[in-house]
Amino acid sequence: MLWLVLAGWWLAIGHIVTGLLLCLTIIGIPFGVANFKLIPVSLFPLGREIVPTDQPFAAR
């Protein structure tokens, strides 16, 4: 809860603003969508696991 209050919402707002600005151009749309996908991770980063896309099941 402390992360959400002190830093999480600032990061989430930053991802929203950056995502909207990137979606204004055709080339930036994929980057804007990626920014929108990072919003939940920036709000509550604890307990999440980031998996590399080149080896999605490497740890199993």
Protein backbone atom coordinates (compact mmCIF):
# COMPACT_ATOMS: atom_id res chain seq x y z
CA MET A 1 0.00 0.00 0.00
CA LEU A 2 2.91 2.32 0.74
CA TRP A 3 4.26 1.87 -2.80
CA LEU A 4 0.90 2.79 -4.32
CA VAL A 5 0.63 5.99 -2.30
CA LEU A 6 4.23 7.19 -2.64
CA ALA A 7 5.29 6.16 -6.13
CA GLY A 8 2.84 3.85 -7.89
CA TRP A 9 0.25 6.39 -8.94
CA TRP A 10 2.94 8.78 -10.26
CA LEU A 11 4.30 6.01 -12.46
CA ALA A 12 0.82 5.00 -13.59
CA ILE A 13 -0.04 8.59 -14.58
CA GLY A 14 3.27 8.81 -16.42
CA HIS A 15 2.48 5.63 -18.36
CA ILE A 16 -1.01 6.91 -19.23
CA VAL A 17 0.26 10.28 -20.49
CA THR A 18 3.17 8.74 -22.40
CA GLY A 19 0.91 6.06 -23.90
CA LEU A 20 -1.60 8.65 -25.10
CA LEU A 21 1.14 10.78 -26.64
CA LEU A 22 2.70 7.79 -28.38
CA CYS A 23 -0.66 6.71 -29.79
CA LEU A 24 -0.88 10.00 -31.70
CA THR A 25 1.50 8.63 -34.33
CA ILE A 26 1.18 5.43 -36.32
CA ILE A 27 4.71 4.31 -35.47
CA GLY A 28 4.17 4.98 -31.76
CA ILE A 29 0.96 2.94 -31.37
CA PRO A 30 2.72 -0.34 -30.39
CA PHE A 31 4.82 1.55 -27.85
CA GLY A 32 1.72 3.28 -26.49
CA VAL A 33 -0.02 -0.07 -26.04
CA ALA A 34 3.07 -1.39 -24.26
CA ASN A 35 2.91 1.60 -21.92
CA PHE A 36 -0.73 0.83 -21.12
CA LYS A 37 0.24 -2.76 -20.27
CA LEU A 38 2.80 -1.47 -17.75
CA ILE A 39 0.21 0.43 -15.68
CA PRO A 40 -0.79 -2.51 -13.42
CA VAL A 41 2.86 -3.43 -12.87
CA SER A 42 3.72 0.13 -11.86
CA LEU A 43 0.80 0.31 -9.42
CA PHE A 44 1.43 -3.03 -7.66
CA PRO A 45 4.90 -4.37 -8.60
CA LEU A 46 5.26 -6.81 -5.71
CA GLY A 47 4.27 -10.38 -6.40
CA ARG A 48 4.60 -10.01 -10.18
CA GLU A 49 6.99 -12.02 -12.30
CA ILE A 50 8.37 -10.62 -15.55
CA VAL A 51 9.08 -13.43 -18.01
CA PRO A 52 11.34 -12.89 -21.04
CA THR A 53 9.43 -13.43 -24.27
CA ASP A 54 12.20 -15.39 -25.96
CA GLN A 55 11.96 -18.17 -23.34
CA PRO A 56 8.47 -18.10 -21.81
CA PHE A 57 8.76 -21.45 -19.99
CA ALA A 58 12.48 -21.52 -19.19
CA ALA A 59 12.06 -21.71 -15.40
CA ARG A 60 9.88 -24.84 -15.47
